[in-house]
Protein backbone atom coordinates (compact mmCIF):
# COMPACT_ATOMS: atom_id res chain seq x y z
CA MET A 1 -48.10 -89.89 251.73
CA THR A 2 -47.17 -91.58 248.45
CA THR A 3 -45.89 -88.35 246.91
CA ASP A 4 -43.52 -87.79 249.83
CA ARG A 5 -42.00 -91.27 249.41
CA ILE A 6 -41.30 -90.69 245.64
CA GLU A 7 -39.70 -87.32 246.39
CA ARG A 8 -37.34 -88.86 248.91
CA ARG A 9 -36.21 -91.61 246.48
CA LEU A 10 -35.94 -89.47 243.39
CA PRO A 11 -32.24 -88.58 243.85
CA GLU A 12 -31.40 -92.24 244.19
CA ILE A 13 -33.34 -93.21 241.06
CA LEU A 14 -31.72 -90.56 238.92
CA THR A 15 -28.29 -91.60 240.05
CA GLU A 16 -28.91 -95.16 239.04
CA ILE A 17 -30.12 -94.17 235.59
CA ALA A 18 -27.15 -91.91 234.99
CA VAL A 19 -24.56 -94.65 235.69
CA PRO A 20 -23.28 -96.09 232.34
CA ARG A 21 -23.89 -99.80 231.92
CA THR A 22 -22.70 -102.44 229.46
CA PRO A 23 -25.30 -104.92 228.21
CA ASP A 24 -24.74 -108.57 228.94
CA TYR A 25 -24.66 -109.46 225.17
CA THR A 26 -21.95 -106.96 224.23
CA ASP A 27 -19.14 -109.53 224.16
CA ASP A 28 -21.19 -111.75 221.81
CA ILE A 29 -21.78 -108.86 219.28
CA LEU A 30 -18.10 -107.91 219.28
CA GLY A 31 -17.20 -111.52 218.61
CA LEU A 32 -19.32 -111.65 215.48
CA THR A 33 -18.32 -108.31 213.98
CA ALA A 34 -14.67 -109.06 214.46
CA GLN A 35 -14.98 -111.75 211.76
CA LEU A 36 -16.53 -109.30 209.08
CA ARG A 37 -14.46 -107.16 206.62
CA GLN A 38 -14.98 -103.47 206.33
CA ARG A 39 -17.27 -102.35 203.38
CA PRO A 40 -15.11 -101.53 200.29
CA GLY A 41 -14.80 -97.86 199.44
CA TRP A 42 -15.95 -98.34 195.77
CA THR A 43 -19.39 -99.31 196.94
CA LEU A 44 -20.01 -95.89 198.38
CA LEU A 45 -21.83 -93.72 195.75
CA GLU A 46 -20.47 -90.55 197.27
CA ARG A 47 -16.93 -91.51 196.12
CA TRP A 48 -18.09 -91.83 192.42
CA LEU A 49 -20.34 -88.83 192.11
CA PRO A 50 -19.88 -85.41 193.71
CA MET A 51 -22.51 -85.08 196.34
CA ASP A 52 -23.42 -82.86 199.18
CA LEU A 53 -26.04 -84.68 201.23
CA THR A 54 -26.28 -81.76 203.55
CA ALA A 55 -26.79 -79.07 200.88
CA ALA A 56 -29.59 -76.67 201.49
CA PRO A 57 -32.53 -76.76 199.04
CA ALA A 58 -32.33 -74.24 196.19
CA ARG A 59 -34.39 -71.14 196.61
CA ILE A 60 -37.15 -70.51 194.06
CA GLY A 61 -37.34 -67.00 192.95
CA ARG A 62 -40.33 -65.08 191.71
CA VAL A 63 -42.03 -66.69 188.67
CA PRO A 64 -41.91 -64.44 185.54
CA TRP A 65 -45.54 -64.86 184.62
CA ARG A 66 -45.40 -62.27 181.81
CA THR A 67 -42.63 -64.17 180.04
CA VAL A 68 -44.42 -67.47 180.52
CA GLY A 69 -47.61 -66.01 179.05
CA VAL A 70 -45.77 -64.67 176.00
CA LEU A 71 -44.16 -68.05 175.36
CA ALA A 72 -47.50 -69.80 175.70
CA LEU A 73 -49.06 -67.47 173.11
CA LEU A 74 -46.20 -68.08 170.71
CA ILE A 75 -46.56 -71.86 171.11
CA ILE A 76 -50.35 -71.63 170.44
CA ALA A 77 -49.79 -69.41 167.38
CA LEU A 78 -47.24 -71.87 166.02
CA ALA A 79 -49.58 -74.83 166.55
CA VAL A 80 -52.37 -73.02 164.73
CA ALA A 81 -50.05 -72.20 161.80
CA ILE A 82 -49.00 -75.83 161.56
CA ALA A 83 -52.62 -76.97 161.61
CA VAL A 84 -53.57 -74.53 158.85
CA VAL A 85 -50.65 -75.51 156.67
CA GLY A 86 -51.39 -79.18 157.26
CA SER A 87 -55.00 -78.73 156.32
CA ARG A 88 -53.91 -77.20 153.03
CA THR A 89 -51.52 -79.97 152.26
CA ARG A 90 -53.82 -82.37 150.56
CA GLN A 91 -53.14 -85.09 148.11
CA ALA A 92 -52.87 -83.25 144.77
CA ASN A 93 -55.37 -84.37 142.18
CA PRO A 94 -56.57 -87.51 143.95
CA PHE A 95 -57.24 -90.51 141.71
CA TYR A 96 -60.46 -91.53 143.39
CA GLY A 97 -63.04 -90.01 145.74
CA PRO A 98 -64.69 -86.61 145.58
CA ALA A 99 -62.74 -83.89 143.80
CA ALA A 100 -63.36 -80.33 142.60
CA ASN A 101 -65.23 -79.85 139.34
CA GLY A 102 -63.18 -78.96 136.30
CA SER A 103 -63.86 -78.63 132.63
CA ILE A 104 -65.93 -80.96 130.47
CA VAL A 105 -64.50 -82.30 127.18
CA TYR A 106 -66.59 -83.89 124.48
CA ASP A 107 -66.15 -84.97 120.84
CA GLU A 108 -68.19 -83.88 117.86
CA GLU A 109 -67.39 -85.05 114.33
CA GLY A 110 -63.82 -85.85 115.14
CA ASP A 111 -63.06 -82.62 117.05
CA ILE A 112 -62.69 -82.29 120.81
CA TYR A 113 -64.46 -79.40 122.48
CA VAL A 114 -64.25 -78.06 126.04
CA THR A 115 -66.89 -76.39 128.20
CA ASP A 116 -67.88 -76.25 131.83
CA ALA A 117 -71.03 -76.90 133.73
CA LEU A 118 -71.65 -73.27 134.58
CA GLY A 119 -73.04 -72.40 131.16
CA SER A 120 -70.00 -71.30 129.14
CA PRO A 121 -70.37 -72.12 125.43
CA GLY A 122 -68.23 -74.92 124.08
CA ARG A 123 -65.03 -74.07 122.22
CA LEU A 124 -62.74 -76.11 120.03
CA LEU A 125 -59.89 -77.59 121.99
CA ILE A 126 -58.24 -80.20 119.70
CA ALA A 127 -58.98 -80.08 116.03
CA GLY A 128 -60.03 -82.97 113.81
CA GLN A 129 -58.31 -86.00 112.41
CA GLY A 130 -60.73 -88.53 113.85
CA ALA A 131 -60.43 -87.94 117.56
CA PHE A 132 -62.77 -90.02 119.74
CA ALA A 133 -63.21 -91.54 123.23
CA GLN A 134 -61.55 -88.61 125.03
CA ARG A 135 -61.01 -88.95 128.74
CA PHE A 136 -59.38 -86.86 131.39
CA SER A 137 -56.80 -88.72 133.46
CA GLN A 138 -57.73 -89.53 137.01
CA ASP A 139 -55.73 -86.59 138.29
CA GLY A 140 -57.18 -84.21 135.69
CA SER A 141 -53.82 -83.25 134.18
CA THR A 142 -54.01 -85.07 130.85
CA ILE A 143 -56.61 -85.65 128.12
CA TRP A 144 -56.37 -89.14 126.58
CA PHE A 145 -58.10 -89.93 123.33
CA GLY A 146 -57.92 -92.20 120.26
CA ARG A 147 -57.28 -91.21 116.68
CA PHE A 148 -57.99 -93.39 113.66
CA VAL A 149 -54.96 -93.93 111.46
CA THR A 150 -53.93 -96.40 108.81
CA GLY A 151 -53.39 -99.79 110.42
CA GLY A 152 -55.46 -99.22 113.56
CA PHE A 153 -55.80 -96.37 115.98
CA ALA A 154 -53.23 -94.37 117.91
CA ILE A 155 -53.28 -93.51 121.55
CA MET A 156 -52.95 -89.78 121.89
CA ARG A 157 -52.46 -87.50 124.81
CA ALA A 158 -52.56 -83.73 125.44
CA ASP A 159 -52.20 -81.39 128.40
CA ALA A 160 -55.45 -80.45 130.12
CA ASP A 161 -55.58 -77.13 128.28
CA GLY A 162 -55.32 -78.89 124.86
CA SER A 163 -51.69 -78.03 124.29
CA ASN A 164 -48.78 -80.39 123.66
CA VAL A 165 -50.79 -82.95 121.62
CA ARG A 166 -48.64 -86.00 120.86
CA GLN A 167 -48.89 -89.72 120.23
CA ALA A 168 -48.26 -91.59 123.44
CA THR A 169 -46.79 -94.62 121.86
CA THR A 170 -45.98 -95.78 118.34
CA ILE A 171 -47.81 -99.00 118.90
CA LEU A 172 -51.23 -99.02 117.19
CA LEU A 173 -54.18 -100.81 118.69
CA PRO A 174 -56.53 -103.01 116.68
CA ASP A 175 -60.23 -103.08 117.34
CA THR A 176 -61.07 -102.91 121.07
CA GLU A 177 -64.15 -103.42 123.14
CA ALA A 178 -62.98 -101.47 126.17
CA THR A 179 -59.92 -99.44 127.17
CA THR A 180 -58.77 -97.72 130.36
CA VAL A 181 -55.64 -95.81 131.36
CA SER A 182 -54.03 -96.66 134.68
CA PRO A 183 -54.28 -93.99 137.50
CA ASN A 184 -50.50 -93.37 137.26
CA GLU A 185 -50.77 -93.14 133.45
CA THR A 186 -48.10 -95.77 132.79
CA GLU A 187 -50.25 -98.45 131.19
CA LEU A 188 -53.41 -98.85 129.11
CA ALA A 189 -55.56 -101.93 129.61
CA ALA A 190 -57.64 -102.99 126.60
CA ILE A 191 -59.89 -105.82 125.55
CA LEU A 192 -58.79 -106.61 122.01
CA VAL A 193 -61.42 -108.10 119.76
CA ALA A 194 -59.74 -108.23 116.30
CA ASN A 195 -59.48 -111.99 116.66
CA GLU A 196 -60.21 -114.05 119.80
CA PRO A 197 -60.81 -111.48 122.59
CA GLU A 198 -57.78 -110.92 124.78
CA LEU A 199 -56.95 -108.67 127.73
CA ALA A 200 -53.75 -106.79 126.94
CA LEU A 201 -51.67 -104.06 128.52
CA LEU A 202 -49.91 -101.35 126.55
CA ASN A 203 -46.92 -99.64 128.15
CA LEU A 204 -47.29 -95.87 127.73
CA THR A 205 -43.76 -94.95 128.94
CA ASN A 206 -41.12 -97.11 127.18
CA GLY A 207 -42.75 -98.35 123.96
CA THR A 208 -42.32 -102.03 124.80
CA GLY A 209 -45.55 -102.92 123.03
CA LEU A 210 -48.62 -104.96 123.89
CA ARG A 211 -48.46 -107.61 126.57
CA THR A 212 -51.30 -110.18 126.62
CA LEU A 213 -52.39 -111.68 129.93
CA ASP A 214 -52.89 -115.39 130.37
CA LEU A 215 -56.40 -115.66 131.79
CA GLY A 216 -56.54 -119.45 131.97
CA GLY A 217 -59.26 -119.90 129.42
CA VAL A 218 -61.44 -116.91 130.51
CA VAL A 219 -62.42 -114.90 127.45
CA PRO A 220 -62.70 -111.18 128.37
CA THR A 221 -65.68 -109.09 127.28
CA ARG A 222 -67.31 -105.67 127.60
CA PHE A 223 -65.68 -104.16 130.67
CA VAL A 224 -62.27 -103.57 132.25
CA ALA A 225 -61.23 -101.06 134.88
CA TRP A 226 -58.40 -100.38 137.33
CA ARG A 227 -59.49 -101.22 140.87
CA PRO A 228 -59.44 -98.30 143.35
CA PRO A 229 -57.87 -96.92 145.40
CA VAL A 230 -54.37 -97.51 143.95
CA GLY A 231 -54.99 -99.39 140.68
CA ASP A 232 -52.99 -102.50 141.58
CA GLN A 233 -55.58 -104.82 140.13
CA LEU A 234 -57.81 -105.02 137.03
CA VAL A 235 -61.55 -105.75 137.32
CA PHE A 236 -63.03 -107.28 134.15
CA LEU A 237 -65.86 -109.38 132.79
CA GLY A 238 -65.25 -112.68 131.04
CA HIS A 239 -66.74 -115.91 129.81
CA PRO A 240 -65.15 -118.86 131.70
CA GLY A 241 -63.95 -121.45 129.24
CA GLY A 242 -65.33 -119.35 126.47
CA ILE A 243 -68.93 -120.33 127.38
CA LYS A 244 -70.94 -117.28 126.35
CA SER A 245 -73.96 -118.18 128.44
CA ASP A 246 -71.74 -117.93 131.52
CA LEU A 247 -70.52 -114.46 132.50
CA GLY A 248 -68.18 -113.87 135.43
CA LEU A 249 -66.63 -110.90 137.14
CA TYR A 250 -62.90 -111.29 137.79
CA VAL A 251 -59.93 -109.53 139.33
CA VAL A 252 -56.30 -109.99 138.25
CA ARG A 253 -53.00 -108.25 138.80
CA PRO A 254 -51.43 -106.40 135.87
CA ASP A 255 -48.71 -109.00 135.70
CA GLY A 256 -51.32 -111.75 135.21
CA THR A 257 -51.05 -113.23 138.71
CA ASP A 258 -53.79 -113.76 141.32
CA LEU A 259 -56.56 -114.27 138.80
CA ARG A 260 -59.75 -114.79 140.77
CA GLN A 261 -63.46 -115.14 139.89
CA VAL A 262 -65.58 -112.98 142.24
CA ALA A 263 -69.05 -113.73 140.87
CA LEU A 264 -70.70 -115.86 138.09
CA ALA A 265 -74.01 -115.45 136.31
CA GLN A 266 -75.28 -118.40 134.26
CA GLY A 267 -78.01 -118.52 131.66
CA GLU A 268 -76.98 -115.32 129.95
CA SER A 269 -78.74 -114.42 126.72
CA ILE A 270 -76.46 -114.80 123.71
CA ASP A 271 -78.67 -112.96 121.26
CA ALA A 272 -78.55 -109.37 122.39
CA ALA A 273 -81.51 -108.37 120.25
CA ASN A 274 -83.75 -110.82 122.10
CA ALA A 275 -82.08 -110.81 125.46
CA THR A 276 -83.99 -112.16 128.43
CA GLN A 277 -81.05 -111.98 130.86
CA SER A 278 -78.11 -109.62 130.94
CA SER A 279 -75.88 -109.38 134.03
CA PHE A 280 -73.22 -106.98 135.32
CA GLY A 281 -74.55 -103.95 133.50
CA ASP A 282 -73.77 -100.32 134.53
CA LEU A 283 -70.79 -101.49 136.52
CA ALA A 284 -69.43 -98.95 139.01
CA LEU A 285 -66.64 -99.38 141.65
CA SER A 286 -66.60 -97.72 145.07
CA ASP A 287 -63.81 -95.29 145.92
CA ASP A 288 -62.17 -97.77 148.28
CA GLY A 289 -62.38 -100.57 145.73
CA VAL A 290 -64.28 -102.88 148.09
CA THR A 291 -67.72 -102.85 146.38
CA ALA A 292 -68.98 -103.17 142.86
CA ALA A 293 -72.49 -101.97 142.04
CA TYR A 294 -74.10 -103.35 138.91
CA VAL A 295 -77.52 -104.05 137.29
CA ASN A 296 -78.98 -107.41 136.37
CA ARG A 297 -81.70 -107.25 133.74
CA GLY A 298 -84.17 -110.08 133.29
CA SER A 299 -83.83 -111.75 136.68
CA THR A 300 -86.89 -110.60 138.53
CA VAL A 301 -86.40 -109.64 142.18
CA ALA A 302 -89.16 -108.02 144.24
CA GLY A 303 -91.22 -107.56 141.12
CA LYS A 304 -88.50 -105.68 139.26
CA ASP A 305 -87.09 -106.45 135.81
CA CYS A 306 -83.86 -104.55 136.46
CA VAL A 307 -82.20 -104.98 139.87
CA ILE A 308 -79.11 -103.27 141.41
CA HIS A 309 -76.63 -105.64 143.07
CA LEU A 310 -73.89 -104.78 145.53
CA LEU A 311 -70.93 -107.15 145.31
CA ASP A 312 -68.04 -107.40 147.80
CA LEU A 313 -64.98 -107.78 145.62
CA ASP A 314 -63.00 -109.47 148.41
CA SER A 315 -65.48 -111.92 149.88
CA GLY A 316 -67.73 -112.38 146.83
CA VAL A 317 -70.87 -111.69 148.90
CA ASP A 318 -73.51 -110.53 146.43
CA SER A 319 -76.67 -108.71 147.53
CA ALA A 320 -79.69 -107.93 145.34
CA MET A 321 -81.15 -104.62 146.46
CA SER A 322 -84.56 -102.92 146.15
CA TYR A 323 -84.69 -99.18 146.80
CA ASP A 324 -87.98 -98.06 145.25
CA PRO A 325 -90.92 -100.54 145.67
CA THR A 326 -92.86 -98.83 142.80
CA ALA A 327 -90.08 -99.07 140.24
CA ARG A 328 -89.94 -101.55 137.39
CA CYS A 329 -86.23 -100.96 136.88
CA GLU A 330 -83.45 -99.47 139.02
CA VAL A 331 -80.41 -98.68 136.91
CA SER A 332 -77.20 -96.64 136.66
CA PRO A 333 -75.88 -96.77 140.27
CA ALA A 334 -73.28 -94.17 141.21
CA PHE A 335 -71.41 -94.03 144.52
CA LEU A 336 -71.67 -90.74 146.37
CA GLY A 337 -68.76 -91.67 148.68
CA ASP A 338 -70.68 -91.24 151.92
CA GLY A 339 -72.61 -94.54 152.15
CA ARG A 340 -75.24 -93.40 149.61
CA LEU A 341 -75.98 -94.19 145.97
CA LEU A 342 -77.45 -92.12 143.19
CA LEU A 343 -79.54 -94.17 140.80
CA GLU A 344 -82.26 -93.90 138.18
CA SER A 345 -85.67 -95.35 139.03
CA GLN A 346 -88.00 -96.22 136.10
CA ASP A 347 -91.71 -96.69 136.52
CA ALA A 348 -93.76 -99.82 135.76
CA ALA A 349 -94.71 -98.65 132.30
CA GLY A 350 -91.04 -98.04 131.43
CA THR A 351 -91.72 -94.56 130.13
CA ALA A 352 -91.06 -92.22 133.04
CA ALA A 353 -88.16 -92.11 135.45
CA ARG A 354 -86.51 -89.95 138.07
CA LEU A 355 -83.22 -89.81 140.04
CA LEU A 356 -83.10 -91.11 143.62
CA VAL A 357 -80.51 -90.60 146.41
CA VAL A 358 -80.61 -93.73 148.59
CA PRO A 359 -78.69 -95.31 151.45
CA ALA A 360 -76.62 -98.06 149.83
CA ASP A 361 -77.90 -100.59 152.36
CA ALA A 362 -81.59 -99.60 151.69
CA SER A 363 -81.98 -98.81 155.43
CA ALA A 364 -84.26 -95.80 154.63
CA PRO A 365 -86.44 -94.68 151.79
CA GLY A 366 -84.83 -92.99 148.85
CA ARG A 367 -85.07 -89.25 148.24
CA PRO A 368 -86.04 -88.11 144.70
CA ILE A 369 -84.14 -85.23 143.15
CA GLY A 370 -85.09 -83.25 140.08
CA PRO A 371 -88.27 -83.71 138.08
CA VAL A 372 -89.86 -86.82 136.69
CA PHE A 373 -88.67 -87.16 133.09
CA ASP A 374 -89.84 -88.95 130.00
CA ILE A 375 -87.24 -91.57 129.11
CA ALA A 376 -87.90 -90.83 125.43
CA ASP A 377 -86.99 -87.24 126.03
CA THR A 378 -83.47 -88.03 127.12
CA ARG A 379 -80.30 -88.40 125.14
CA GLU A 380 -80.00 -91.99 123.81
CA GLY A 381 -77.71 -94.04 125.97
CA ARG A 382 -75.78 -92.18 128.63
CA HIS A 383 -77.86 -89.13 129.55
CA TRP A 384 -76.68 -88.01 132.97
CA GLU A 385 -73.35 -87.67 134.84
CA LEU A 386 -72.51 -87.17 138.49
CA SER A 387 -70.01 -84.33 139.02
CA PRO A 388 -66.55 -85.03 140.48
CA ASP A 389 -67.51 -83.31 143.75
CA ARG A 390 -70.63 -85.53 143.96
CA GLY A 391 -72.84 -82.48 144.44
CA THR A 392 -74.36 -81.99 140.97
CA VAL A 393 -75.92 -84.07 138.16
CA LEU A 394 -75.43 -82.94 134.55
CA PHE A 395 -78.60 -84.08 132.80
CA LEU A 396 -78.89 -84.29 128.99
CA ARG A 397 -82.18 -84.22 127.16
CA THR A 398 -82.84 -84.65 123.44
CA GLY A 399 -81.56 -81.86 121.18
CA GLY A 400 -78.65 -81.05 123.46
CA VAL A 401 -80.71 -79.38 126.20
CA THR A 402 -78.92 -79.72 129.54
CA GLU A 403 -79.83 -79.16 133.15
CA LEU A 404 -77.95 -79.14 136.44
CA ILE A 405 -79.63 -80.93 139.40
CA SER A 406 -78.40 -80.46 142.96
CA VAL A 407 -77.86 -83.78 144.73
CA GLU A 408 -78.69 -82.34 148.15
CA THR A 409 -81.65 -80.02 147.37
CA GLY A 410 -82.96 -81.40 144.11
CA ALA A 411 -83.04 -77.90 142.65
CA VAL A 412 -82.80 -77.69 138.85
CA ARG A 413 -81.29 -74.96 136.72
CA PRO A 414 -80.54 -74.80 132.99
CA ALA A 415 -77.01 -75.18 131.67
CA ASP A 416 -75.63 -74.17 128.31
CA VAL A 417 -73.71 -77.47 127.82
CA ARG A 418 -74.67 -78.91 124.46
CA ILE A 419 -73.48 -82.48 124.02
CA THR A 420 -75.64 -83.95 121.29
CA ILE A 421 -73.51 -86.86 120.14
CA GLY A 422 -70.32 -88.59 121.11
CA ASP A 423 -69.07 -89.03 124.63
CA TRP A 424 -67.76 -86.69 127.33
CA SER A 425 -65.53 -86.56 130.38
CA TRP A 426 -65.62 -84.33 133.43
CA GLN A 427 -62.29 -83.16 134.80
CA ARG A 428 -61.28 -83.85 138.41
CA LEU A 429 -59.33 -81.09 140.14
CA PRO A 430 -57.80 -80.94 143.64
CA GLU A 431 -60.22 -79.97 146.40
CA THR A 432 -59.62 -76.55 147.88
CA PRO A 433 -59.63 -76.09 151.71
């Protein structure tokens, strides 16, 4: 019944819908828009830029995967080549840090000889005329040495192979207590002791002569070195106010500015023959120049007569360390460059010793390398040297007998390096990839 009624009215309903109608509010809308201006043409982006808003999307053809693959391989090969070349581009002859092992020079009766640590016999490199205190430059390219002449001693230099020997400057030095050439080989720092001790710099490039630093009453003594890693400061020992029972460690810039005391030891023994306290011995500087390691003798710590200290050169924080609880003395610290130290541990009787590799912070027990040795059977004074690559120790016994000790394994093998007197220097060379 209901369906029949809808079917009868359906034509009428469709006719009503189809008739166009005007809304009641049309007049109001037209009244408002009549007051508005048409939008300016310059605001239409299509009039500034060529556009086709109805353009069909571009078709994507077949991807040339073979070409893409070849290009990817070429890019990878280029990246590998750059990486290889970059890995080979190292800082040539670095001034500080581990380096490859080169030759060893040493003096004997005024002559300079050269050898290596692999057992080659020494040969004459620079003949006579009073040569002494030979040292390779920090980059291994030059041999620096002194030569006694009338009126003082001359600063000499030669190429690493012993050729081109010449006097570096016409200025002669008087008696000195310590000398050191700057890493860039432009200046020599020296503690002069002919009269009142002074810290002076000698220009090695322009012959301008000696320049004495004003240290404000500090009297330099015993030690001076260029501070790593760039050599922009000098580290030296001095007596503040000339008081010899006080010994301080200082830093200063080569122009004499920024003089600063880092540490001070008081109560130093003045009579060296009967010394009961001696501080800042065996001084060594870390590769980054942050830390100084040194030995204090006579101030008992942890039952030891000789104690290694680690001193922060920036903050002045000084830590007395104990690495071997059985040792009477721990001496000769050397930085391995990886957070470890190499040192010599001497027993309670003071007759036997051995080398130890230890964490610098003493966080773990030390590891002995090489045999126990009789101190009396070693070369007087300096009797071992860490190689530039930090992997080997050159050990000198009495009579010129030498041994090579591996830092990592402790293995010992003989070496035909005979340095019986004088001093020596181990050449640093660039590391190879």
